[in-house]
Structure formats: structure tokens, C-alpha cells
Amino acid sequence: MPTASRPRSPSSGDPVPSGPWRDRDFRRLWLGQTASQLGEHTALVVLPLFAVLTLDADGNELGVLRAVGQAPVLLLSLLVGAWVDGWRTRTVMVLADVARTVALAAAAVAGLCGRLGLSALFLTAFVVGSLSVFFDVAYQAFLVRLVRRDQLVRGNSALEGSRSAAQIGGPALGGALVSLLSAPVAAASSALFFTLSFLSIRRIRRVEPVPERPVRPCGIWRRIHQGLRFVVGDTALRTVCLASAAFQLSFAAVMTVYLLFLPRELHLSGAAVGLALAATGPGALLGSVLAARLPPRFGYGPVLVAAAALGDGVFLCVPALHGSTAVTVAALLAISFVFGAGGQLVNVALMAVRQTVTPDGMQGRATATITCVGMGLAPLGSLLGGFLAEQWGLRASLLAAAAGMLLSPVVIASSPLARLGRTLPAAPSAPPTGER
């Protein structure tokens, strides 16, 4: 009932709060997830800057470092998605937080003592990336076990808002910490976020039942195969998957070169690099607002093509910049803002398409499949960016990688998605044949 003063288990028959924010356990999950996302996105900038500014890494080495940190998405996401359902997800989150804290703290101590080399930094990036896959899958699964079904929309909105905020603030915070405190201390600061996440999630009192283990271990592989087959067999989802893969491959190459280009070619400080990256955030907020207004007015197809072309194409302007003047920094902020607005508009619209054409029983596996295929190419993109930076130089390689990002709007424009009108197709009423 709405008047209940304390949250109770939905399965107990006792009153529950009318909204997730009145549930203390949900607030603890939200705080822990927010801290975890901040730690993750801060580390994504701190570790590459550690390699560039402290260890004097070249383009190939930076590409390998970024690829190693991104590889767990390709290697683990499908398996983790099927595996986590058989465990207490709160336990998975707590263990992931503890392990990430230890990994980053060890790297910070080794860095302060001058004993941290690139090999150890590669290991740190892989460990943090792997554990982040476990945490991210677990918190999404835990929400379903924590709140009532009618609270899921508000709960998801709060958690995804935290992740967006971390994507905005994390890069800027990471760059500022490296600039003000040195890279090893910045790594230790990232570890503190994971400690805060551990302390918050550990205080969740809701008793999570032990999930029933599958009778046949091969069931995991069968469910993964069903998700892959469903995405490949649906025209809209196949297009979303291909567009995501083209974007992530090229964007990973762009970011590898970009993180070298800003400090070495434009001679920007760590704080300025973080500021340039963070400008994507306000643009993403604008993109979220536009995503609710433009497609119903102009049609989903035209908006998708235009937003993808503008948001991805704006990076072609970066290689034309020179020096660390105020005009250069302002131009970088404007480019990041436009990229964020276009990218978020495309993301929201494509998510609406994906959710609409996917039956309820396939939502999780369709999401995991598209994420794995799209983000799974990011390590290859990072390696490609590092290779191009060494072979072609920073400006030429940045221009080539940015041009590659236009493959994504080309894929969308040449597909049936480009002809979508102001309304989305009706959602399917039942899972595909063979689902139980």
C-alpha cells in the first residue's frame, strides 16, 4: 500500500512502497550503481592518460591498452548474461566492487613507487573491464528482483540516468584528477568510487532467493543461440546490429587517436582533455529531449539518418584544428556537443525500434546480442586506431577513422529503417516459436 513506511519483499504479501525511491534498498542500489559507473568511466580516461603521460606509450601501445580493456565485452557479455541468472546478483556486485578496488589500488601503489609498467597496466585494464561486465549485467538483473513490475520503468529511468551522468562527469573528472593529482593518485581515486559502491550495496537488506540452477548446463548455450538467431532473422534488428558494429569499430579507432591527438598534437592539458570529452554530456541531454519530439513529427527514418550523419560526421572537423588556443578548445567543445546530441538521438530512437519489434521473452538476449556484436568490435577498432596513428601520423589517421564513422548512417540509410514513419510498428504479442 502507498502508506507503508518500510519496504517489504514483493513475494511476502506485505505492503510495498508506491515508488522505488521510497524503498531504502533501492536507494542503496542506486547509490552503489552511481558510484560504480563513476569509477568505471573515470578509469576509462585515467588508465589511457596514465599510459600516455606517465609511461610515454606510443599509438600501438595505447591501442592495445584500450583494446584489452574493451575485450571483456566481446569475450564475456553473452556468457555473463546467461550465467548471472543462476546466482545472487547482490553477491556478484559486491565481489566485483571489491576486486576492482584492489586492482586499481594495486596499480596506484605500483605507479607511485615507479614499479608499474605497461604489462601491469594492461592486466589492470582487463581485470577492471571484465569485472565491470559482471557488475553491469548483475545490477540490471537485480532491479527486477528488487522492485515490483509496475516500478521497473521508474527504477530503470533512475539507474540509466546515473549511467548517463557518469558518462558525462567521468571523463572530465578523470582528466582533471590526472592533471591535478598525477595519474597514480587518480587511479586510487577511481578505486574509492568502487569502495563506495561496495559499502552501499552491501547494506541492502532484501533477502535475495537462491535462483534455481538449470538442469542442463547446455541450456545456456541454447538460449544464447536463440538470441543470435532471432536478431539475425529480423531485418530491423539486423540493421541495428550492423549499424552499431560499424559505429563502434570506427569510434574506438577515433578515440584511440583522439587521446593521442589532444595532448601531443594540440598540447592540451589533462583537464582540457577531460573537458573536451565531457562536453558530449550536455549534448546527450539535448539529444534525449529531441528524441521525444523529432521522430513523431518528421518520422523515425529521416531523423535516424540525419542525426547519425550529423553526429558522426562532425568529427571530420577535428583534424583541421591547430594549437591549444581558446578558439581550438571552444571548437572541440562544440564538436563534442553536436556528437553527443546526434549520438543520443540515434541511440534513443534505435532503442525504441529494438524494444518495439522484440517480444518480451527475447528482450534480454536481443540486447546482449546487439551489445556483444557492436561493442565486441571496439577492441579491434582500438588496435586499428593505434596502428594507423603509428603508420600514417595523428592527423591523417584521425581523418580516416572519423570518415569510417559515416558507415553507420550509410547502413541505416540503405535499410528499411530509413523508411520508418512517425509511428513504430506494432509490438509482437508472443515470443518466437520454440520459446518457453
Protein backbone atom coordinates (compact mmCIF):
# COMPACT_ATOMS: atom_id res chain seq x y z
CA MET A 1 0.00 0.00 0.00
CA PRO A 2 1.18 3.58 -0.57
CA THR A 3 1.11 4.30 3.16
CA ALA A 4 3.62 1.61 4.07
CA SER A 5 6.55 3.04 6.00
CA ARG A 6 9.02 0.27 5.30
CA PRO A 7 9.74 -1.74 2.13
CA ARG A 8 8.88 -5.39 2.16
CA SER A 9 9.51 -8.26 -0.19
CA PRO A 10 7.08 -8.30 -3.10
CA SER A 11 6.60 -12.01 -2.56
CA SER A 12 5.64 -11.68 1.10
CA GLY A 13 2.19 -10.22 0.55
CA ASP A 14 3.05 -7.26 2.81
CA PRO A 15 2.66 -3.65 1.74
CA VAL A 16 5.27 -2.15 -0.51
CA PRO A 17 6.07 1.45 -1.31
CA SER A 18 4.24 3.11 -4.19
CA GLY A 19 7.51 4.10 -5.89
CA PRO A 20 11.07 2.78 -5.88
CA TRP A 21 12.53 5.92 -4.27
CA ARG A 22 10.63 5.14 -1.05
CA ASP A 23 12.44 1.82 -0.84
CA ARG A 24 15.69 2.18 1.11
CA ASP A 25 17.17 -0.87 -0.59
CA PHE A 26 16.52 0.68 -4.00
CA ARG A 27 18.22 3.90 -2.88
CA ARG A 28 21.23 1.86 -1.78
CA LEU A 29 21.32 0.10 -5.14
CA TRP A 30 21.07 3.44 -6.94
CA LEU A 31 23.90 4.96 -4.88
CA GLY A 32 26.11 1.93 -5.39
CA GLN A 33 25.42 1.76 -9.12
CA THR A 34 26.07 5.51 -9.49
CA ALA A 35 29.41 5.23 -7.68
CA SER A 36 30.33 2.17 -9.73
CA GLN A 37 29.57 3.93 -13.02
CA LEU A 38 31.62 6.95 -11.95
CA GLY A 39 34.55 4.70 -11.08
CA GLU A 40 34.25 2.81 -14.36
CA HIS A 41 34.05 5.89 -16.62
CA THR A 42 36.75 7.74 -14.68
CA ALA A 43 39.08 4.76 -15.08
CA LEU A 44 38.39 4.66 -18.83
CA VAL A 45 40.20 8.02 -19.10
CA VAL A 46 42.69 7.66 -16.22
CA LEU A 47 44.32 4.45 -17.47
CA PRO A 48 44.97 5.67 -21.06
CA LEU A 49 46.26 9.02 -19.78
CA PHE A 50 48.43 7.09 -17.29
CA ALA A 51 49.96 5.25 -20.26
CA VAL A 52 50.40 8.38 -22.42
CA LEU A 53 51.59 10.91 -19.82
CA THR A 54 53.48 8.71 -17.34
CA LEU A 55 54.69 5.72 -19.35
CA ASP A 56 55.08 7.59 -22.67
CA ALA A 57 53.06 4.98 -24.57
CA ASP A 58 53.01 5.18 -28.36
CA GLY A 59 49.99 4.75 -30.62
CA ASN A 60 50.22 0.96 -30.87
CA GLU A 61 50.60 0.55 -27.11
CA LEU A 62 47.65 2.84 -26.38
CA GLY A 63 45.57 0.92 -28.92
CA VAL A 64 46.42 -2.37 -27.22
CA LEU A 65 45.60 -0.93 -23.79
CA ARG A 66 42.17 0.27 -24.88
CA ALA A 67 41.51 -2.99 -26.72
CA VAL A 68 42.43 -5.05 -23.65
CA GLY A 69 40.01 -3.03 -21.52
CA GLN A 70 37.20 -3.40 -24.07
CA ALA A 71 37.76 -7.08 -24.94
CA PRO A 72 35.69 -8.45 -21.99
CA VAL A 73 32.52 -7.10 -23.60
CA LEU A 74 33.14 -9.37 -26.59
CA LEU A 75 34.51 -12.30 -24.63
CA LEU A 76 32.18 -12.36 -21.64
CA SER A 77 28.91 -10.48 -22.11
CA LEU A 78 26.82 -13.32 -23.60
CA LEU A 79 28.11 -15.85 -21.09
CA VAL A 80 27.75 -13.48 -18.14
CA GLY A 81 24.22 -12.61 -19.21
CA ALA A 82 23.21 -16.27 -19.10
CA TRP A 83 25.34 -17.13 -16.03
CA VAL A 84 24.28 -14.32 -13.68
CA ASP A 85 20.66 -15.52 -13.71
CA GLY A 86 21.78 -18.53 -11.66
CA TRP A 87 23.39 -16.54 -8.83
CA ARG A 88 22.53 -13.98 -6.17
CA THR A 89 23.21 -10.80 -8.11
CA ARG A 90 23.93 -8.75 -4.98
CA THR A 91 26.83 -11.09 -4.24
CA VAL A 92 28.13 -10.69 -7.80
CA MET A 93 28.06 -6.88 -7.49
CA VAL A 94 29.80 -6.85 -4.11
CA LEU A 95 32.59 -9.15 -5.28
CA ALA A 96 33.06 -7.14 -8.47
CA ASP A 97 33.41 -3.93 -6.46
CA VAL A 98 35.96 -5.43 -4.08
CA ALA A 99 38.07 -6.87 -6.88
CA ARG A 100 38.06 -3.62 -8.91
CA THR A 101 39.06 -1.66 -5.81
CA VAL A 102 42.00 -3.98 -5.19
CA ALA A 103 43.10 -3.91 -8.85
CA LEU A 104 43.14 -0.11 -9.13
CA ALA A 105 44.64 0.40 -5.68
CA ALA A 106 47.46 -2.00 -6.52
CA ALA A 107 48.10 -0.14 -9.78
CA ALA A 108 48.14 3.18 -7.93
CA VAL A 109 50.65 1.95 -5.33
CA ALA A 110 52.87 0.45 -8.01
CA GLY A 111 52.69 3.68 -10.00
CA LEU A 112 53.62 5.82 -7.01
CA CYS A 113 56.63 3.54 -6.39
CA GLY A 114 57.64 3.74 -10.05
CA ARG A 115 57.14 -0.01 -10.48
CA LEU A 116 54.12 -0.06 -12.80
CA GLY A 117 54.88 -0.97 -16.40
CA LEU A 118 52.67 -1.28 -19.45
CA SER A 119 52.16 -5.03 -18.94
CA ALA A 120 50.74 -4.46 -15.47
CA LEU A 121 48.58 -1.62 -16.81
CA PHE A 122 47.21 -3.98 -19.50
CA LEU A 123 46.33 -6.51 -16.80
CA THR A 124 44.63 -3.83 -14.70
CA ALA A 125 42.55 -2.65 -17.67
CA PHE A 126 41.45 -6.23 -18.48
CA VAL A 127 40.53 -7.03 -14.87
CA VAL A 128 38.55 -3.81 -14.41
CA GLY A 129 36.80 -4.28 -17.77
CA SER A 130 35.89 -7.90 -17.02
CA LEU A 131 34.51 -7.13 -13.57
CA SER A 132 32.54 -4.19 -14.97
CA VAL A 133 30.76 -6.59 -17.33
CA PHE A 134 29.73 -8.72 -14.34
CA PHE A 135 28.57 -5.69 -12.34
CA ASP A 136 26.62 -4.09 -15.17
CA VAL A 137 24.74 -7.28 -16.02
CA ALA A 138 24.11 -8.05 -12.34
CA TYR A 139 22.62 -4.68 -11.34
CA GLN A 140 20.14 -4.80 -14.23
CA ALA A 141 19.07 -8.31 -13.21
CA PHE A 142 18.92 -7.35 -9.52
CA LEU A 143 16.50 -4.49 -10.18
CA VAL A 144 13.90 -6.96 -11.48
CA ARG A 145 14.24 -8.96 -8.24
CA LEU A 146 14.16 -5.85 -6.05
CA VAL A 147 11.13 -3.84 -7.19
CA ARG A 148 7.63 -4.58 -8.40
CA ARG A 149 6.92 -4.81 -12.11
CA ASP A 150 4.99 -1.54 -12.09
CA GLN A 151 8.08 0.19 -10.65
CA LEU A 152 10.54 -1.05 -13.29
CA VAL A 153 10.15 1.93 -15.62
CA ARG A 154 10.93 4.46 -12.88
CA GLY A 155 13.68 2.26 -11.48
CA ASN A 156 15.33 1.84 -14.86
CA SER A 157 14.99 5.56 -15.54
CA ALA A 158 16.85 6.38 -12.32
CA LEU A 159 19.64 3.88 -12.96
CA GLU A 160 20.11 4.83 -16.61
CA GLY A 161 20.12 8.48 -15.61
CA SER A 162 23.02 7.71 -13.28
CA ARG A 163 24.90 5.96 -16.03
CA SER A 164 24.38 8.93 -18.38
CA ALA A 165 25.57 11.31 -15.66
CA ALA A 166 28.68 9.16 -15.13
CA GLN A 167 29.38 9.20 -18.86
CA ILE A 168 29.18 12.99 -18.68
CA GLY A 169 31.17 13.55 -15.49
CA GLY A 170 33.54 10.58 -15.53
CA PRO A 171 35.81 11.68 -18.40
CA ALA A 172 36.04 15.26 -17.13
CA LEU A 173 36.74 14.06 -13.59
CA GLY A 174 39.35 11.57 -14.80
CA GLY A 175 41.17 14.18 -16.86
CA ALA A 176 41.09 16.70 -14.01
CA LEU A 177 42.38 14.15 -11.48
CA VAL A 178 45.29 13.20 -13.71
CA SER A 179 46.13 16.87 -14.31
CA LEU A 180 45.85 17.95 -10.68
CA LEU A 181 46.95 14.89 -8.70
CA SER A 182 49.06 12.75 -11.08
CA ALA A 183 47.97 9.54 -12.80
CA PRO A 184 48.68 7.12 -9.88
CA VAL A 185 46.65 9.22 -7.43
CA ALA A 186 43.87 9.50 -9.99
CA ALA A 187 43.79 5.69 -10.23
CA ALA A 188 43.48 5.49 -6.45
CA SER A 189 40.61 7.99 -6.59
CA SER A 190 38.81 5.75 -9.08
CA ALA A 191 39.22 2.87 -6.64
CA LEU A 192 37.43 4.94 -3.97
CA PHE A 193 34.29 5.02 -6.13
CA PHE A 194 34.20 1.23 -6.21
CA THR A 195 34.69 1.18 -2.43
CA LEU A 196 31.68 3.48 -2.02
CA SER A 197 29.68 1.21 -4.30
CA PHE A 198 30.63 -1.83 -2.21
CA LEU A 199 29.66 -0.12 1.05
CA SER A 200 26.26 0.93 -0.32
CA ILE A 201 25.26 -2.34 -2.00
CA ARG A 202 26.47 -4.37 0.97
CA ARG A 203 23.86 -2.57 3.12
CA ILE A 204 20.95 -3.82 1.02
CA ARG A 205 18.85 -5.90 3.41
CA ARG A 206 16.43 -7.52 0.98
CA VAL A 207 17.00 -11.28 1.09
CA GLU A 208 17.52 -12.43 -2.46
CA PRO A 209 16.41 -16.03 -3.05
CA VAL A 210 18.89 -18.50 -4.44
CA PRO A 211 17.99 -18.78 -8.14
CA GLU A 212 17.13 -22.22 -9.42
CA ARG A 213 20.05 -23.76 -11.29
CA PRO A 214 19.31 -25.05 -14.80
CA VAL A 215 19.01 -28.82 -15.06
CA ARG A 216 21.16 -28.98 -18.20
CA PRO A 217 24.24 -26.71 -18.50
CA CYS A 218 23.83 -26.74 -22.28
CA GLY A 219 20.67 -24.66 -21.78
CA ILE A 220 22.83 -21.55 -21.54
CA TRP A 221 24.30 -22.14 -24.99
CA ARG A 222 20.89 -22.91 -26.42
CA ARG A 223 19.47 -19.63 -25.13
CA ILE A 224 22.45 -17.70 -26.49
CA HIS A 225 21.91 -19.35 -29.89
CA GLN A 226 18.22 -18.43 -29.85
CA GLY A 227 19.09 -14.78 -29.25
CA LEU A 228 21.63 -14.74 -32.06
CA ARG A 229 19.24 -16.43 -34.48
CA PHE A 230 16.41 -14.05 -33.63
CA VAL A 231 18.49 -10.91 -34.20
CA VAL A 232 19.93 -12.22 -37.48
CA GLY A 233 16.48 -13.21 -38.73
CA ASP A 234 14.81 -9.83 -38.09
CA THR A 235 15.53 -7.11 -40.67
CA ALA A 236 15.24 -4.19 -38.25
CA LEU A 237 17.37 -5.80 -35.54
CA ARG A 238 19.94 -6.94 -38.07
CA THR A 239 20.25 -3.36 -39.30
CA VAL A 240 20.58 -2.03 -35.75
CA CYS A 241 23.29 -4.61 -35.10
CA LEU A 242 25.24 -3.77 -38.27
CA ALA A 243 24.97 0.00 -37.73
CA SER A 244 26.13 -0.41 -34.12
CA ALA A 245 29.06 -2.59 -35.20
CA ALA A 246 30.16 -0.08 -37.88
CA PHE A 247 29.95 2.79 -35.41
CA GLN A 248 31.73 1.08 -32.52
CA LEU A 249 34.59 -0.16 -34.73
CA SER A 250 35.28 3.30 -36.16
CA PHE A 251 34.58 5.21 -32.93
CA ALA A 252 37.05 3.06 -30.98
CA ALA A 253 39.70 3.87 -33.60
CA VAL A 254 38.81 7.56 -33.41
CA MET A 255 39.09 7.66 -29.61
CA THR A 256 42.47 5.92 -29.60
CA VAL A 257 43.90 8.51 -31.97
CA TYR A 258 41.94 11.33 -30.28
CA LEU A 259 43.53 10.63 -26.88
CA LEU A 260 46.93 10.97 -28.54
CA PHE A 261 45.99 13.92 -30.76
CA LEU A 262 44.73 16.22 -28.00
CA PRO A 263 47.78 16.15 -25.66
CA ARG A 264 50.52 15.61 -28.26
CA GLU A 265 49.36 17.47 -31.37
CA LEU A 266 47.23 20.19 -29.76
CA HIS A 267 49.26 20.24 -26.49
CA LEU A 268 46.18 20.26 -24.26
CA SER A 269 46.39 19.55 -20.50
CA GLY A 270 44.67 16.61 -18.87
CA ALA A 271 41.93 18.91 -17.57
CA ALA A 272 41.31 20.31 -21.05
CA VAL A 273 41.15 16.80 -22.49
CA GLY A 274 38.59 15.82 -19.86
CA LEU A 275 36.58 18.96 -20.55
CA ALA A 276 36.52 18.24 -24.28
CA LEU A 277 35.30 14.70 -23.63
CA ALA A 278 32.72 15.80 -21.07
CA ALA A 279 31.08 18.25 -23.49
CA THR A 280 29.45 15.21 -25.06
CA GLY A 281 27.22 15.00 -21.97
CA PRO A 282 25.19 18.22 -22.34
CA GLY A 283 24.76 17.35 -26.00
CA ALA A 284 23.40 13.95 -24.98
CA LEU A 285 20.88 15.64 -22.70
CA LEU A 286 19.66 17.73 -25.64
CA GLY A 287 19.53 14.61 -27.79
CA SER A 288 17.31 12.92 -25.20
CA VAL A 289 14.86 15.83 -25.36
CA LEU A 290 14.87 15.90 -29.17
CA ALA A 291 14.35 12.13 -29.34
CA ALA A 292 10.91 12.56 -27.78
CA ARG A 293 9.87 15.30 -30.24
CA LEU A 294 11.52 14.94 -33.63
CA PRO A 295 10.66 11.34 -34.70
CA PRO A 296 6.89 11.73 -34.13
CA ARG A 297 6.98 14.94 -36.18
CA PHE A 298 9.37 14.11 -39.04
CA GLY A 299 9.44 10.31 -38.97
CA TYR A 300 11.82 7.87 -37.34
CA GLY A 301 13.66 7.03 -40.55
CA PRO A 302 14.60 10.58 -41.66
CA VAL A 303 15.56 11.57 -38.11
CA LEU A 304 17.76 8.49 -37.68
CA VAL A 305 19.64 9.11 -40.93
CA ALA A 306 20.06 12.87 -40.39
CA ALA A 307 21.12 12.59 -36.73
CA ALA A 308 23.61 9.79 -37.42
CA ALA A 309 25.15 11.66 -40.38
CA LEU A 310 25.46 14.94 -38.45
CA GLY A 311 26.63 13.45 -35.15
CA ASP A 312 29.19 11.12 -36.69
CA GLY A 313 30.31 13.46 -39.46
CA VAL A 314 31.16 16.34 -37.12
CA PHE A 315 34.34 14.53 -36.05
CA LEU A 316 35.75 15.18 -39.51
CA CYS A 317 36.37 18.75 -38.28
CA VAL A 318 38.83 17.71 -35.55
CA PRO A 319 41.91 17.09 -37.78
CA ALA A 320 41.64 20.69 -39.05
CA LEU A 321 42.32 22.13 -35.58
CA HIS A 322 45.73 23.51 -34.55
CA GLY A 323 47.25 24.73 -31.28
CA SER A 324 45.85 24.98 -27.76
CA THR A 325 44.17 28.38 -28.12
CA ALA A 326 40.78 29.24 -26.68
CA VAL A 327 39.30 29.00 -30.18
CA THR A 328 40.57 25.43 -30.52
CA VAL A 329 39.15 24.41 -27.14
CA ALA A 330 35.81 26.07 -27.99
CA ALA A 331 35.71 24.20 -31.29
CA LEU A 332 36.36 20.90 -29.52
CA LEU A 333 33.54 21.63 -27.08
CA ALA A 334 31.16 22.40 -29.96
CA ILE A 335 32.17 19.24 -31.84
CA SER A 336 31.66 17.08 -28.75
CA PHE A 337 28.30 18.75 -28.06
CA VAL A 338 27.00 18.05 -31.57
CA PHE A 339 28.34 14.50 -31.46
CA GLY A 340 26.62 13.89 -28.12
CA ALA A 341 23.29 15.30 -29.31
CA GLY A 342 23.25 13.31 -32.54
CA GLY A 343 24.50 10.13 -30.92
CA GLN A 344 21.95 10.20 -28.11
CA LEU A 345 19.11 10.95 -30.52
CA VAL A 346 20.11 7.91 -32.60
CA ASN A 347 20.53 5.72 -29.51
CA VAL A 348 17.10 6.52 -28.09
CA ALA A 349 15.34 6.11 -31.43
CA LEU A 350 17.08 2.80 -32.19
CA MET A 351 16.30 1.53 -28.70
CA ALA A 352 12.61 2.31 -29.26
CA VAL A 353 12.71 0.40 -32.54
CA ARG A 354 14.51 -2.55 -30.96
CA GLN A 355 12.16 -2.78 -27.99
CA THR A 356 9.10 -2.50 -30.21
CA VAL A 357 9.99 -5.31 -32.61
CA THR A 358 11.30 -7.66 -29.89
CA PRO A 359 8.93 -9.91 -27.87
CA ASP A 360 9.15 -9.69 -24.09
CA GLY A 361 10.73 -13.13 -23.83
CA MET A 362 13.60 -12.07 -26.08
CA GLN A 363 14.39 -8.57 -24.77
CA GLY A 364 17.42 -9.54 -22.68
CA ARG A 365 19.02 -11.80 -25.26
CA ALA A 366 18.41 -9.37 -28.13
CA THR A 367 20.06 -6.60 -26.10
CA ALA A 368 23.02 -8.82 -25.17
CA THR A 369 23.48 -9.95 -28.77
CA ILE A 370 23.48 -6.43 -30.19
CA THR A 371 25.78 -5.21 -27.42
CA CYS A 372 28.19 -8.10 -27.95
CA VAL A 373 28.39 -7.68 -31.72
CA GLY A 374 28.56 -3.88 -31.59
CA MET A 375 30.81 -3.31 -28.59
CA GLY A 376 32.70 -6.51 -29.37
CA LEU A 377 34.32 -4.81 -32.37
CA ALA A 378 35.61 -1.95 -30.21
CA PRO A 379 38.87 -3.76 -29.30
CA LEU A 380 39.62 -4.24 -33.00
CA GLY A 381 38.89 -0.57 -33.58
CA SER A 382 41.26 0.44 -30.82
CA LEU A 383 44.02 -1.70 -32.31
CA LEU A 384 43.31 -0.26 -35.74
CA GLY A 385 43.49 3.29 -34.39
CA GLY A 386 46.84 2.64 -32.74
CA PHE A 387 48.21 1.06 -35.92
CA LEU A 388 47.04 3.96 -38.10
CA ALA A 389 48.49 6.51 -35.68
CA GLU A 390 51.92 4.89 -35.95
CA GLN A 391 51.83 4.37 -39.71
CA TRP A 392 50.04 7.48 -41.01
CA GLY A 393 50.51 10.08 -38.29
CA LEU A 394 47.86 11.53 -35.99
CA ARG A 395 46.03 13.91 -38.35
CA ALA A 396 45.72 11.52 -41.29
CA SER A 397 44.71 8.57 -39.11
CA LEU A 398 42.14 10.68 -37.23
CA LEU A 399 40.62 11.82 -40.53
CA ALA A 400 40.42 8.24 -41.84
CA ALA A 401 38.88 6.88 -38.64
CA ALA A 402 36.34 9.73 -38.49
CA ALA A 403 35.37 9.04 -42.11
CA GLY A 404 34.77 5.42 -41.13
CA MET A 405 32.14 6.53 -38.63
CA LEU A 406 29.94 7.56 -41.58
CA LEU A 407 29.46 3.86 -42.38
CA SER A 408 26.81 3.74 -39.66
CA PRO A 409 24.42 6.31 -41.22
CA VAL A 410 25.06 4.69 -44.63
CA VAL A 411 23.89 1.32 -43.26
CA ILE A 412 20.76 2.93 -41.78
CA ALA A 413 20.01 4.92 -44.95
CA SER A 414 20.22 1.81 -47.15
CA SER A 415 17.88 -0.25 -44.93
CA PRO A 416 14.10 -0.33 -44.33
CA LEU A 417 14.71 1.68 -41.14
CA ALA A 418 15.20 4.79 -43.29
CA ARG A 419 11.57 4.49 -44.43
CA LEU A 420 10.03 4.34 -40.96
CA GLY A 421 7.30 6.91 -40.46
CA ARG A 422 6.02 8.81 -37.47
CA THR A 423 4.80 5.68 -35.67
CA LEU A 424 6.60 2.45 -34.89
CA PRO A 425 5.30 -0.98 -35.97
CA ALA A 426 3.04 -2.85 -33.58
CA ALA A 427 4.84 -4.89 -30.93
CA PRO A 428 4.70 -8.70 -31.31
CA SER A 429 2.34 -10.36 -28.86
CA ALA A 430 4.21 -13.60 -28.28
CA PRO A 431 7.78 -14.92 -28.28
CA PRO A 432 9.01 -16.64 -31.40
CA THR A 433 8.38 -20.32 -31.92
CA GLY A 434 10.43 -22.52 -29.66
CA GLU A 435 10.47 -20.14 -26.66
CA ARG A 436 9.06 -21.37 -23.38
